[in-house]
Amino acid sequence: MTDKKKSKPLPQMHCLMTIQWSEETGHQVGVVPGTTRVTMTVDQTLRTLTFDGLIDPVPGTTRQDLMVTILKAAKERAGLPQDATVAVLHWSAHKNKLS
């Protein structure tokens, strides 16, 4: 006879993540007067997005699993491709129910 433990459901988590990325907003190309040297200036703008949401983790979910799931959702909300490079400025995951 096999003793199977019934997994207790995990609590719903409230997740928060702030990401930042740079976006090219334009560039200028010019010739240095009196030379044949060409210069190019690329303008970069920093963008920031804070995402929050609820996640219902399944048994076996790790903190890393939560972080990857939240990062994927934040990039999607920002309209970024999943392979975009972003800086995670903050992330948290806490039980949603307070009592």
N, C-alpha and C. Protein backbone atom coordinates (compact mmCIF):
# COMPACT_ATOMS: atom_id res chain seq x y z
N MET A 1 0.84 -1.18 0.00
CA MET A 1 0.00 0.00 0.00
C MET A 1 0.89 1.25 0.00
N THR A 2 0.63 2.15 -0.91
CA THR A 2 1.42 3.38 -1.04
C THR A 2 0.77 4.49 -0.25
N ASP A 3 1.60 5.20 0.52
CA ASP A 3 1.11 6.33 1.31
C ASP A 3 1.32 7.60 0.51
N LYS A 4 0.24 8.13 -0.04
CA LYS A 4 0.32 9.36 -0.83
C LYS A 4 -0.12 10.54 0.02
N LYS A 5 0.74 11.55 0.08
CA LYS A 5 0.39 12.78 0.78
C LYS A 5 -0.38 13.66 -0.18
N LYS A 6 -1.45 14.21 0.32
CA LYS A 6 -2.22 15.13 -0.49
C LYS A 6 -1.57 16.51 -0.37
N SER A 7 -1.21 17.12 -1.50
CA SER A 7 -0.58 18.44 -1.49
C SER A 7 -1.57 19.50 -1.07
N LYS A 8 -1.14 20.29 -0.13
CA LYS A 8 -1.95 21.41 0.33
C LYS A 8 -1.82 22.53 -0.70
N PRO A 9 -2.93 23.16 -1.10
CA PRO A 9 -2.82 24.25 -2.08
C PRO A 9 -1.99 25.40 -1.53
N LEU A 10 -1.21 26.00 -2.40
CA LEU A 10 -0.38 27.14 -2.01
C LEU A 10 -1.22 28.40 -2.02
N PRO A 11 -0.86 29.37 -1.19
CA PRO A 11 -1.63 30.61 -1.15
C PRO A 11 -1.42 31.44 -2.42
N GLN A 12 -2.46 32.18 -2.76
CA GLN A 12 -2.34 33.11 -3.89
C GLN A 12 -1.31 34.18 -3.53
N MET A 13 -0.49 34.55 -4.51
CA MET A 13 0.58 35.51 -4.27
C MET A 13 0.30 36.82 -5.01
N HIS A 14 0.57 37.93 -4.32
CA HIS A 14 0.54 39.24 -4.98
C HIS A 14 1.98 39.54 -5.38
N CYS A 15 2.19 39.83 -6.65
CA CYS A 15 3.54 40.03 -7.18
C CYS A 15 3.68 41.44 -7.73
N LEU A 16 4.87 41.97 -7.56
CA LEU A 16 5.18 43.33 -8.01
C LEU A 16 6.58 43.32 -8.61
N MET A 17 6.74 43.96 -9.77
CA MET A 17 8.06 44.03 -10.40
C MET A 17 8.19 45.37 -11.13
N THR A 18 9.34 46.02 -10.96
CA THR A 18 9.66 47.23 -11.72
C THR A 18 10.85 46.90 -12.60
N ILE A 19 10.68 47.15 -13.90
CA ILE A 19 11.76 46.91 -14.86
C ILE A 19 12.13 48.22 -15.55
N GLN A 20 13.35 48.24 -16.07
CA GLN A 20 13.83 49.43 -16.79
C GLN A 20 14.62 48.94 -18.00
N TRP A 21 14.47 49.65 -19.12
CA TRP A 21 15.20 49.31 -20.34
C TRP A 21 15.46 50.59 -21.12
N SER A 22 16.42 50.52 -22.03
CA SER A 22 16.70 51.69 -22.86
C SER A 22 16.09 51.47 -24.24
N GLU A 23 15.70 52.56 -24.82
CA GLU A 23 15.03 52.54 -26.12
C GLU A 23 15.66 53.60 -27.00
N GLU A 24 16.01 53.22 -28.22
CA GLU A 24 16.57 54.20 -29.15
C GLU A 24 15.46 55.13 -29.60
N THR A 25 15.69 56.43 -29.45
CA THR A 25 14.66 57.41 -29.81
C THR A 25 15.03 58.22 -31.04
N GLY A 26 16.18 57.95 -31.60
CA GLY A 26 16.59 58.66 -32.81
C GLY A 26 18.09 58.68 -32.94
N HIS A 27 18.54 59.12 -34.08
CA HIS A 27 19.98 59.25 -34.29
C HIS A 27 20.23 60.36 -35.30
N GLN A 28 21.44 60.86 -35.23
CA GLN A 28 21.85 61.93 -36.15
C GLN A 28 23.17 61.52 -36.78
N VAL A 29 23.27 61.77 -38.06
CA VAL A 29 24.52 61.50 -38.79
C VAL A 29 24.99 62.83 -39.36
N GLY A 30 26.28 63.09 -39.22
CA GLY A 30 26.81 64.35 -39.74
C GLY A 30 28.27 64.21 -40.16
N VAL A 31 28.72 65.17 -40.92
CA VAL A 31 30.11 65.21 -41.36
C VAL A 31 30.80 66.30 -40.57
N VAL A 32 31.98 65.97 -40.02
CA VAL A 32 32.75 66.96 -39.28
C VAL A 32 33.28 67.98 -40.30
N PRO A 33 32.98 69.27 -40.11
CA PRO A 33 33.40 70.29 -41.08
C PRO A 33 34.91 70.25 -41.35
N GLY A 34 35.28 70.34 -42.64
CA GLY A 34 36.68 70.37 -43.05
C GLY A 34 37.33 69.00 -43.10
N THR A 35 36.55 67.92 -42.86
CA THR A 35 37.11 66.56 -42.91
C THR A 35 36.17 65.66 -43.70
N THR A 36 36.59 64.45 -43.85
CA THR A 36 35.69 63.46 -44.46
C THR A 36 35.15 62.51 -43.39
N ARG A 37 35.36 62.88 -42.12
CA ARG A 37 34.92 62.03 -41.01
C ARG A 37 33.42 62.19 -40.77
N VAL A 38 32.77 61.07 -40.63
CA VAL A 38 31.33 61.05 -40.38
C VAL A 38 31.09 60.69 -38.91
N THR A 39 30.18 61.40 -38.28
CA THR A 39 29.83 61.09 -36.89
C THR A 39 28.38 60.64 -36.82
N MET A 40 28.10 59.82 -35.84
CA MET A 40 26.72 59.38 -35.63
C MET A 40 26.43 59.43 -34.14
N THR A 41 25.32 60.01 -33.79
CA THR A 41 24.89 60.09 -32.40
C THR A 41 23.58 59.32 -32.27
N VAL A 42 23.54 58.42 -31.30
CA VAL A 42 22.31 57.66 -31.04
C VAL A 42 21.73 58.15 -29.72
N ASP A 43 20.47 58.56 -29.76
CA ASP A 43 19.79 59.02 -28.55
C ASP A 43 19.09 57.83 -27.89
N GLN A 44 19.34 57.66 -26.61
CA GLN A 44 18.71 56.58 -25.85
C GLN A 44 17.81 57.20 -24.78
N THR A 45 16.67 56.59 -24.57
CA THR A 45 15.76 57.01 -23.52
C THR A 45 15.53 55.83 -22.60
N LEU A 46 15.59 56.06 -21.28
CA LEU A 46 15.27 55.00 -20.33
C LEU A 46 13.78 54.94 -20.11
N ARG A 47 13.24 53.74 -20.17
CA ARG A 47 11.82 53.50 -19.92
C ARG A 47 11.70 52.65 -18.67
N THR A 48 10.65 52.87 -17.90
CA THR A 48 10.42 52.11 -16.67
C THR A 48 8.96 51.69 -16.62
N LEU A 49 8.73 50.49 -16.11
CA LEU A 49 7.36 49.99 -15.97
C LEU A 49 7.27 49.24 -14.65
N THR A 50 6.21 49.48 -13.90
CA THR A 50 5.92 48.69 -12.70
C THR A 50 4.69 47.86 -12.98
N PHE A 51 4.82 46.56 -12.76
CA PHE A 51 3.76 45.59 -13.02
C PHE A 51 3.34 44.96 -11.71
N ASP A 52 2.03 44.76 -11.53
CA ASP A 52 1.60 43.97 -10.38
C ASP A 52 0.48 43.04 -10.82
N GLY A 53 0.36 41.94 -10.10
CA GLY A 53 -0.67 40.98 -10.44
C GLY A 53 -0.73 39.87 -9.41
N LEU A 54 -1.66 38.95 -9.61
CA LEU A 54 -1.86 37.82 -8.71
C LEU A 54 -1.46 36.54 -9.42
N ILE A 55 -0.81 35.65 -8.68
CA ILE A 55 -0.39 34.36 -9.22
C ILE A 55 -0.86 33.28 -8.26
N ASP A 56 -1.39 32.20 -8.82
CA ASP A 56 -1.78 31.03 -8.04
C ASP A 56 -0.75 29.94 -8.29
N PRO A 57 0.30 29.88 -7.44
CA PRO A 57 1.35 28.89 -7.68
C PRO A 57 0.87 27.47 -7.40
N VAL A 58 1.44 26.53 -8.10
CA VAL A 58 1.13 25.11 -7.89
C VAL A 58 2.20 24.52 -6.98
N PRO A 59 1.91 23.41 -6.30
CA PRO A 59 2.93 22.80 -5.45
C PRO A 59 4.21 22.54 -6.26
N GLY A 60 5.35 22.83 -5.63
CA GLY A 60 6.63 22.65 -6.29
C GLY A 60 7.17 23.93 -6.92
N THR A 61 6.35 24.99 -6.95
CA THR A 61 6.79 26.27 -7.51
C THR A 61 7.89 26.86 -6.64
N THR A 62 8.94 27.37 -7.28
CA THR A 62 10.04 27.99 -6.56
C THR A 62 9.97 29.51 -6.69
N ARG A 63 10.77 30.21 -5.88
CA ARG A 63 10.84 31.67 -6.02
C ARG A 63 11.34 32.05 -7.42
N GLN A 64 12.27 31.26 -7.95
CA GLN A 64 12.77 31.54 -9.29
C GLN A 64 11.66 31.38 -10.32
N ASP A 65 10.82 30.36 -10.16
CA ASP A 65 9.67 30.18 -11.07
C ASP A 65 8.78 31.41 -11.04
N LEU A 66 8.51 31.91 -9.83
CA LEU A 66 7.67 33.12 -9.70
C LEU A 66 8.32 34.31 -10.40
N MET A 67 9.61 34.50 -10.17
CA MET A 67 10.31 35.64 -10.76
C MET A 67 10.28 35.59 -12.28
N VAL A 68 10.53 34.41 -12.85
CA VAL A 68 10.52 34.26 -14.31
C VAL A 68 9.12 34.54 -14.86
N THR A 69 8.09 34.05 -14.17
CA THR A 69 6.70 34.27 -14.61
C THR A 69 6.34 35.76 -14.56
N ILE A 70 6.75 36.43 -13.47
CA ILE A 70 6.46 37.86 -13.33
C ILE A 70 7.22 38.66 -14.39
N LEU A 71 8.49 38.32 -14.62
CA LEU A 71 9.30 39.03 -15.63
C LEU A 71 8.68 38.88 -17.01
N LYS A 72 8.23 37.69 -17.34
CA LYS A 72 7.58 37.46 -18.64
C LYS A 72 6.34 38.34 -18.78
N ALA A 73 5.52 38.40 -17.73
CA ALA A 73 4.31 39.22 -17.76
C ALA A 73 4.64 40.71 -17.85
N ALA A 74 5.68 41.15 -17.13
CA ALA A 74 6.06 42.57 -17.17
C ALA A 74 6.55 42.96 -18.56
N LYS A 75 7.37 42.11 -19.19
CA LYS A 75 7.84 42.39 -20.56
C LYS A 75 6.68 42.44 -21.53
N GLU A 76 5.73 41.53 -21.36
CA GLU A 76 4.55 41.52 -22.23
C GLU A 76 3.75 42.80 -22.06
N ARG A 77 3.54 43.23 -20.81
CA ARG A 77 2.80 44.47 -20.55
C ARG A 77 3.51 45.67 -21.15
N ALA A 78 4.86 45.66 -21.15
CA ALA A 78 5.64 46.77 -21.70
C ALA A 78 5.72 46.73 -23.22
N GLY A 79 5.24 45.63 -23.82
CA GLY A 79 5.30 45.50 -25.27
C GLY A 79 6.70 45.12 -25.76
N LEU A 80 7.49 44.52 -24.87
CA LEU A 80 8.85 44.12 -25.22
C LEU A 80 8.90 42.66 -25.64
N PRO A 81 9.82 42.31 -26.52
CA PRO A 81 10.00 40.89 -26.84
C PRO A 81 10.59 40.17 -25.61
N GLN A 82 10.34 38.87 -25.49
CA GLN A 82 10.81 38.12 -24.32
C GLN A 82 12.33 38.08 -24.22
N ASP A 83 13.04 38.26 -25.35
CA ASP A 83 14.50 38.23 -25.30
C ASP A 83 15.11 39.62 -25.07
N ALA A 84 14.27 40.62 -24.81
CA ALA A 84 14.76 41.98 -24.55
C ALA A 84 15.55 42.01 -23.24
N THR A 85 16.61 42.80 -23.22
CA THR A 85 17.41 42.97 -22.01
C THR A 85 16.80 44.06 -21.16
N VAL A 86 16.49 43.74 -19.93
CA VAL A 86 15.93 44.72 -19.00
C VAL A 86 16.67 44.61 -17.67
N ALA A 87 16.59 45.67 -16.89
CA ALA A 87 17.11 45.65 -15.52
C ALA A 87 15.91 45.52 -14.59
N VAL A 88 15.96 44.56 -13.69
CA VAL A 88 14.91 44.41 -12.69
C VAL A 88 15.31 45.28 -11.50
N LEU A 89 14.56 46.36 -11.30
CA LEU A 89 14.88 47.29 -10.21
C LEU A 89 14.31 46.82 -8.88
N HIS A 90 13.18 46.11 -8.94
CA HIS A 90 12.54 45.60 -7.73
C HIS A 90 11.60 44.48 -8.12
N TRP A 91 11.49 43.47 -7.27
CA TRP A 91 10.42 42.49 -7.42
C TRP A 91 10.11 41.90 -6.06
N SER A 92 8.85 41.57 -5.87
CA SER A 92 8.44 40.96 -4.61
C SER A 92 7.26 40.04 -4.88
N ALA A 93 7.09 39.08 -4.00
CA ALA A 93 5.95 38.16 -4.07
C ALA A 93 5.58 37.81 -2.63
N HIS A 94 4.38 38.15 -2.24
CA HIS A 94 3.90 37.91 -0.87
C HIS A 94 2.50 37.31 -0.92
N LYS A 95 2.14 36.60 0.12
CA LYS A 95 0.79 36.06 0.22
C LYS A 95 -0.20 37.20 0.05
N ASN A 96 -1.23 36.97 -0.78
CA ASN A 96 -2.20 38.01 -1.03
C ASN A 96 -3.17 38.17 0.14
N LYS A 97 -3.53 37.08 0.77
CA LYS A 97 -4.46 37.14 1.89
C LYS A 97 -3.73 37.58 3.15
N LEU A 98 -4.24 38.60 3.82
CA LEU A 98 -3.55 39.15 4.97
C LEU A 98 -3.82 38.41 6.27
N SER A 99 -4.92 37.69 6.35
CA SER A 99 -5.21 36.98 7.61
C SER A 99 -4.99 35.49 7.46
